[in-house]
């Protein structure tokens, strides 16, 4: 069985490896700072999580929110577990913004703030994603 998250090893996207989870930058940044927390073992459903995995997930959410609050100052934060496209337990960690944000000479606008997230998914180039990854990593260490 091929699984995107079981086989995930894209070092240019990985922000941090935890004991049970991997935190990575999403390939699409329609919302600046969108990240994924993917479980390192293959399960499909939330209720299959072990207590220690759930505790670590809470820490990851705290870590990424802290880093993004320092750098991009989101107005809200979505934590979503969908699994519609890839049936491996992972979470979408998505900052939301009332107003535009700037990063790496670009402007980002949350066109659906206060509503469901757009279905738009635009893959970013590796250079931009690595720059974003490094920026978030730096803030997580502070």
Protein backbone atom coordinates (compact mmCIF):
# COMPACT_ATOMS: atom_id res chain seq x y z
CA UNK A 1 0.00 0.00 0.00
CA UNK A 2 1.34 3.42 -0.98
CA UNK A 3 0.65 6.15 1.58
CA UNK A 4 1.71 9.77 1.18
CA UNK A 5 2.29 10.23 4.92
CA UNK A 6 3.91 6.84 5.66
CA UNK A 7 6.41 7.45 2.85
CA UNK A 8 6.81 11.18 3.50
CA UNK A 9 10.46 12.24 3.52
CA UNK A 10 10.49 15.65 1.82
CA UNK A 11 13.17 17.33 3.94
CA UNK A 12 12.46 20.69 2.31
CA UNK A 13 9.00 20.69 3.96
CA UNK A 14 9.74 19.19 7.39
CA UNK A 15 9.80 21.74 10.18
CA UNK A 16 10.32 19.33 13.08
CA UNK A 17 10.31 15.62 13.85
CA UNK A 18 8.61 14.67 17.11
CA UNK A 19 8.54 11.22 18.67
CA UNK A 20 5.14 10.28 17.20
CA UNK A 21 4.44 13.07 14.71
CA UNK A 22 6.06 15.02 11.91
CA UNK A 23 5.34 18.74 11.45
CA UNK A 24 5.69 20.02 7.89
CA UNK A 25 4.83 23.01 5.76
CA UNK A 26 1.90 22.40 3.39
CA UNK A 27 2.76 22.43 -0.30
CA UNK A 28 0.08 25.06 -0.83
CA UNK A 29 0.23 28.32 1.06
CA UNK A 30 -3.07 29.91 0.09
CA UNK A 31 -3.12 30.68 3.82
CA UNK A 32 0.36 31.69 4.95
CA UNK A 33 1.80 29.28 7.49
CA UNK A 34 -0.46 26.31 6.66
CA UNK A 35 1.17 23.21 8.13
CA UNK A 36 0.48 19.50 8.58
CA UNK A 37 0.99 17.28 11.60
CA UNK A 38 1.16 13.68 10.37
CA UNK A 39 1.31 10.65 12.61
CA UNK A 40 4.38 8.49 11.96
CA UNK A 41 2.43 5.23 12.18
CA UNK A 42 -0.43 4.35 9.87
CA UNK A 43 -3.90 4.70 11.33
CA UNK A 44 -6.99 6.28 9.82
CA UNK A 45 -9.21 7.46 12.64
CA UNK A 46 -8.84 9.86 15.54
CA UNK A 47 -10.14 7.36 18.10
CA UNK A 48 -7.25 5.02 17.23
CA UNK A 49 -4.74 7.48 18.75
CA UNK A 50 -2.83 6.39 21.83
CA UNK A 51 -2.87 8.75 24.80
CA UNK A 52 0.81 9.66 24.39
CA UNK A 53 0.24 10.53 20.70
CA UNK A 54 -2.66 12.78 21.60
CA UNK A 55 -0.62 14.53 24.30
CA UNK A 56 2.21 15.14 21.82
CA UNK A 57 -0.25 16.47 19.23
CA UNK A 58 -1.41 19.06 21.74
CA UNK A 59 2.23 20.15 22.17
CA UNK A 60 2.71 20.41 18.40
CA UNK A 61 -0.34 22.64 18.08
CA UNK A 62 1.01 24.80 20.90
CA UNK A 63 4.44 24.97 19.24
CA UNK A 64 3.20 25.94 15.78
CA UNK A 65 0.67 28.45 17.10
CA UNK A 66 3.41 30.05 19.20
CA UNK A 67 5.77 30.33 16.24
CA UNK A 68 3.08 31.70 13.92
CA UNK A 69 1.87 34.17 16.57
CA UNK A 70 5.40 35.59 16.75
CA UNK A 71 5.87 35.94 13.02
CA UNK A 72 2.53 36.27 11.17
CA UNK A 73 0.10 37.01 14.02
CA UNK A 74 -2.96 35.08 12.78
CA UNK A 75 -6.39 36.23 13.94
CA UNK A 76 -7.68 32.66 14.26
CA UNK A 77 -6.38 29.12 13.94
CA UNK A 78 -8.10 26.04 12.46
CA UNK A 79 -7.18 22.48 13.43
CA UNK A 80 -8.76 20.04 10.98
CA UNK A 81 -8.64 16.28 10.58
CA UNK A 82 -10.26 15.36 7.28
CA UNK A 83 -8.60 12.42 5.53
CA UNK A 84 -10.72 12.68 2.39
CA UNK A 85 -7.79 12.40 -0.01
CA UNK A 86 -5.25 10.46 2.08
CA UNK A 87 -6.57 7.98 4.62
CA UNK A 88 -3.73 8.39 7.09
CA UNK A 89 -4.34 10.34 10.28
CA UNK A 90 -2.95 13.83 9.84
CA UNK A 91 -4.08 17.30 10.80
CA UNK A 92 -4.30 20.51 8.82
CA UNK A 93 -3.00 23.33 11.07
CA UNK A 94 -4.24 26.49 9.41
CA UNK A 95 -3.76 30.12 10.48
CA UNK A 96 -6.54 32.51 9.44
CA UNK A 97 -6.18 36.24 8.78
CA UNK A 98 -8.61 39.16 8.75
CA UNK A 99 -6.12 41.29 6.83
CA UNK A 100 -3.39 40.65 4.28
CA UNK A 101 0.07 39.46 5.32
CA UNK A 102 3.44 39.90 3.63
CA UNK A 103 6.23 37.33 3.40
CA UNK A 104 9.20 36.94 1.04
CA UNK A 105 8.08 39.86 -1.10
CA UNK A 106 4.59 38.43 -1.60
CA UNK A 107 1.16 39.37 -0.34
CA UNK A 108 -1.22 36.78 1.13
CA UNK A 109 -4.96 37.36 1.52
CA UNK A 110 -7.36 35.06 3.37
CA UNK A 111 -10.29 35.45 0.97
CA UNK A 112 -12.59 33.29 3.09
CA UNK A 113 -11.80 34.51 6.63
CA UNK A 114 -14.71 33.67 8.93
CA UNK A 115 -16.01 31.01 6.51
CA UNK A 116 -14.98 27.63 5.17
CA UNK A 117 -11.58 27.50 3.54
CA UNK A 118 -11.49 27.72 -0.23
CA UNK A 119 -10.92 24.51 -2.17
CA UNK A 120 -8.11 26.27 -4.02
CA UNK A 121 -4.80 24.39 -3.67
CA UNK A 122 -1.80 25.93 -5.45
CA UNK A 123 1.54 24.14 -5.12
CA UNK A 124 4.37 26.51 -4.20
CA UNK A 125 7.92 26.26 -5.51
CA UNK A 126 10.52 24.55 -3.32
CA UNK A 127 12.62 27.69 -2.76
CA UNK A 128 9.66 29.56 -1.26
CA UNK A 129 8.62 26.55 0.88
CA UNK A 130 12.16 26.13 2.24
CA UNK A 131 12.32 29.83 3.11
CA UNK A 132 8.99 29.55 4.95
CA UNK A 133 10.05 26.33 6.70
CA UNK A 134 13.27 27.96 7.92
CA UNK A 135 11.39 31.05 9.09
CA UNK A 136 8.95 28.97 11.15
CA UNK A 137 11.73 26.71 12.49
CA UNK A 138 13.63 29.75 13.73
CA UNK A 139 10.56 31.05 15.59
CA UNK A 140 9.93 27.65 17.19
CA UNK A 141 13.40 27.74 18.74
CA UNK A 142 12.87 31.19 20.29
